[in-house]
Amino acid sequence: MKEVLEELKNRVNERIKNDEKFAKKLSTVRKSFLVIFDGKESYNFQIAEGKVGDVVPGNQASDIEISVDSDTFNKIIARQIDPMAAYMEKKIKIKASLFDKLFLTELFK
């Protein structure tokens, strides 16, 4: 699943590079993420200094914690499932503030 997160990282960083408004919005954001796949595989990454950082294995405390099964996450990345619909159907669990949950929807656009 690290490859899928790397793809998401590259997609967001490319959008930052090509979308001035989005880049400005992220320029002051500093958030850490923990993504747990299938209750077993965990990865961390950060958004800081206007870019998404490296994806690293691990289970560190983070601002935003996402628990999801691999199949659902792959479908979200492929834009086959709407992230908000997956959240409402409890296919993805997010531990974060309301502000951070709204921020996540912006990342998956």
Protein backbone atom coordinates (compact mmCIF):
# COMPACT_ATOMS: atom_id res chain seq x y z
CA MET A 1 0.00 0.00 0.00
CA LYS A 2 3.00 2.28 0.30
CA GLU A 3 2.94 2.61 -3.51
CA VAL A 4 -0.66 3.84 -3.41
CA LEU A 5 0.22 6.47 -0.79
CA GLU A 6 3.22 7.50 -2.91
CA GLU A 7 0.85 7.95 -5.85
CA LEU A 8 -1.42 10.14 -3.71
CA LYS A 9 1.61 12.12 -2.51
CA ASN A 10 2.76 12.69 -6.10
CA ARG A 11 -0.75 13.68 -7.21
CA VAL A 12 -1.11 16.25 -4.41
CA ASN A 13 2.40 17.64 -4.91
CA GLU A 14 1.72 17.99 -8.65
CA ARG A 15 -1.51 19.81 -7.89
CA ILE A 16 0.36 22.14 -5.52
CA LYS A 17 2.85 22.88 -8.28
CA ASN A 18 0.16 23.61 -10.89
CA ASP A 19 -2.63 25.21 -8.84
CA GLU A 20 -1.58 28.51 -7.29
CA LYS A 21 -4.72 28.81 -5.16
CA PHE A 22 -4.30 25.30 -3.75
CA ALA A 23 -0.59 25.93 -3.13
CA LYS A 24 -1.37 29.09 -1.21
CA LYS A 25 -3.95 27.24 0.89
CA LEU A 26 -1.40 24.56 1.84
CA SER A 27 1.53 26.93 2.35
CA THR A 28 0.74 27.41 6.05
CA VAL A 29 -0.58 23.91 6.78
CA ARG A 30 1.43 21.60 9.00
CA LYS A 31 -0.32 18.28 9.61
CA SER A 32 0.85 14.76 10.32
CA PHE A 33 -1.03 11.72 9.01
CA LEU A 34 -1.25 8.09 10.03
CA VAL A 35 -2.91 5.69 7.60
CA ILE A 36 -3.71 2.18 8.84
CA PHE A 37 -4.62 -0.37 6.17
CA ASP A 38 -6.63 -3.47 7.07
CA GLY A 39 -5.81 -2.97 10.74
CA LYS A 40 -2.19 -4.10 10.11
CA GLU A 41 -0.08 -2.00 7.77
CA SER A 42 0.64 1.58 8.95
CA TYR A 43 2.29 4.57 7.26
CA ASN A 44 3.02 8.14 8.29
CA PHE A 45 3.55 11.29 6.26
CA GLN A 46 3.32 15.04 6.78
CA ILE A 47 2.17 18.07 4.93
CA ALA A 48 4.50 20.94 5.74
CA GLU A 49 6.14 23.85 3.95
CA GLY A 50 3.66 23.57 1.09
CA LYS A 51 4.27 19.93 0.13
CA VAL A 52 3.54 16.35 1.07
CA GLY A 53 6.59 14.69 2.60
CA ASP A 54 7.93 11.16 2.42
CA VAL A 55 5.72 8.19 3.22
CA VAL A 56 7.35 6.08 5.94
CA PRO A 57 6.25 2.85 7.60
CA GLY A 58 5.26 3.19 11.23
CA ASN A 59 2.56 3.98 13.70
CA GLN A 60 3.32 7.41 15.19
CA ALA A 61 0.75 9.61 16.86
CA SER A 62 -0.57 12.05 14.25
CA ASP A 63 -2.99 14.94 13.80
CA ILE A 64 -5.10 12.87 11.41
CA GLU A 65 -5.55 9.10 11.72
CA ILE A 66 -7.21 7.18 8.89
CA SER A 67 -8.24 3.52 9.15
CA VAL A 68 -9.37 1.90 5.93
CA ASP A 69 -9.29 -1.40 4.08
CA SER A 70 -6.96 -1.57 1.09
CA ASP A 71 -9.72 -2.15 -1.47
CA THR A 72 -11.69 0.93 -0.39
CA PHE A 73 -8.59 3.14 -0.37
CA ASN A 74 -7.58 1.96 -3.85
CA LYS A 75 -11.07 2.82 -5.11
CA ILE A 76 -10.91 6.27 -3.50
CA ILE A 77 -7.53 6.95 -5.15
CA ALA A 78 -8.86 5.69 -8.51
CA ARG A 79 -11.88 7.99 -7.99
CA GLN A 80 -14.28 5.04 -8.17
CA ILE A 81 -15.64 5.83 -4.69
CA ASP A 82 -16.29 9.28 -3.28
CA PRO A 83 -14.28 9.71 -0.04
CA MET A 84 -17.22 11.37 1.73
CA ALA A 85 -19.55 8.53 0.73
CA ALA A 86 -17.01 5.98 2.03
CA TYR A 87 -16.84 7.91 5.30
CA MET A 88 -20.63 8.06 5.65
CA GLU A 89 -20.84 4.30 4.95
CA LYS A 90 -18.17 3.73 7.63
CA LYS A 91 -15.79 2.17 5.10
CA ILE A 92 -13.17 4.66 6.21
CA LYS A 93 -12.67 5.88 9.78
CA ILE A 94 -11.04 9.20 10.50
CA LYS A 95 -9.86 10.43 13.89
CA ALA A 96 -9.37 14.15 13.52
CA SER A 97 -10.96 17.49 14.25
CA LEU A 98 -13.86 18.61 12.08
CA PHE A 99 -11.55 21.14 10.42
CA ASP A 100 -9.04 18.39 9.58
CA LYS A 101 -11.79 16.16 8.17
CA LEU A 102 -12.85 18.99 5.85
CA PHE A 103 -9.20 19.51 4.94
CA LEU A 104 -9.00 15.85 3.88
CA THR A 105 -11.84 16.29 1.39
CA GLU A 106 -9.80 19.05 -0.26
CA LEU A 107 -6.79 16.73 -0.60
CA PHE A 108 -8.78 14.00 -2.34
CA LYS A 109 -10.23 16.32 -5.00
